[in-house]
Structure formats: C-alpha cells, structure tokens
C-alpha cells in the first residue's frame, strides 16, 4: 500500500476523533500529521474550532 493510501485509511479511521480534538497538542493530531508528512514533509494539518467551542 502506498503512503497516500495509508494516510487516507488512517484519516478515515481517526475522523471522529479528529473532529473532536481541541488543539494540535492532541496525540491523534501527531499520528495523522506523521502519516501526512510521510507523503511530503511540506504538508500540514490545520485545526479549526467553531466559535464559542472553547
């Protein structure tokens, strides 16, 4: 399996957890970011919270 496919499989597996994280300090963020950066180290994830959710 290539790195892009591995990333998307992990992303799907962790989607609900990613949707619930409050910051990039969450270990799931690091796990998914690591998979993304295995495709290219220039890629990053962005965490965005709805207003008033903090």
Protein backbone atom coordinates (compact mmCIF):
# COMPACT_ATOMS: atom_id res chain seq x y z
CA UNK A 1 0.00 0.00 0.00
CA UNK A 2 1.42 3.41 -0.91
CA UNK A 3 1.82 6.26 1.59
CA UNK A 4 -1.13 8.25 0.22
CA UNK A 5 -3.48 5.31 0.63
CA UNK A 6 -2.13 4.65 4.13
CA UNK A 7 -2.77 8.29 5.07
CA UNK A 8 -6.38 8.25 3.85
CA UNK A 9 -7.12 4.96 5.59
CA UNK A 10 -5.76 6.37 8.86
CA UNK A 11 -7.64 9.63 8.32
CA UNK A 12 -10.91 7.73 7.87
CA UNK A 13 -10.19 5.60 10.93
CA UNK A 14 -9.46 8.67 13.08
CA UNK A 15 -12.03 11.08 11.55
CA UNK A 16 -14.38 11.15 14.55
CA UNK A 17 -11.51 11.69 16.96
CA UNK A 18 -10.02 14.43 14.76
CA UNK A 19 -13.38 16.19 14.67
CA UNK A 20 -13.42 16.31 18.47
CA UNK A 21 -9.87 17.49 19.20
CA UNK A 22 -9.41 20.93 20.74
CA UNK A 23 -5.83 21.63 19.64
CA UNK A 24 -2.85 20.33 17.72
CA UNK A 25 -1.47 19.08 21.07
CA UNK A 26 -3.72 16.01 20.82
CA UNK A 27 -1.76 12.78 20.15
CA UNK A 28 -4.14 11.85 17.30
CA UNK A 29 -3.12 15.05 15.52
CA UNK A 30 0.51 13.94 15.71
CA UNK A 31 -0.35 10.47 14.44
CA UNK A 32 -2.28 11.76 11.42
CA UNK A 33 0.27 14.51 10.75
CA UNK A 34 3.05 11.93 10.72
CA UNK A 35 1.17 9.89 8.13
CA UNK A 36 0.54 13.02 6.04
CA UNK A 37 4.16 14.12 6.21
CA UNK A 38 5.28 10.67 5.09
CA UNK A 39 3.76 11.70 1.75
CA UNK A 40 5.59 15.03 1.81
CA UNK A 41 7.22 16.86 4.76
CA UNK A 42 5.81 20.10 3.33
CA UNK A 43 2.21 19.08 4.14
CA UNK A 44 0.47 20.16 7.37
CA UNK A 45 -2.90 19.75 9.06
CA UNK A 46 -4.91 22.67 10.37
CA UNK A 47 -7.21 22.50 13.38
CA UNK A 48 -10.17 24.84 13.32
CA UNK A 49 -12.70 25.24 16.13
CA UNK A 50 -16.19 26.60 15.85
CA UNK A 51 -16.62 29.97 17.58
CA UNK A 52 -17.57 29.54 21.22
CA UNK A 53 -16.49 25.89 21.38
CA UNK A 54 -13.52 26.54 23.67
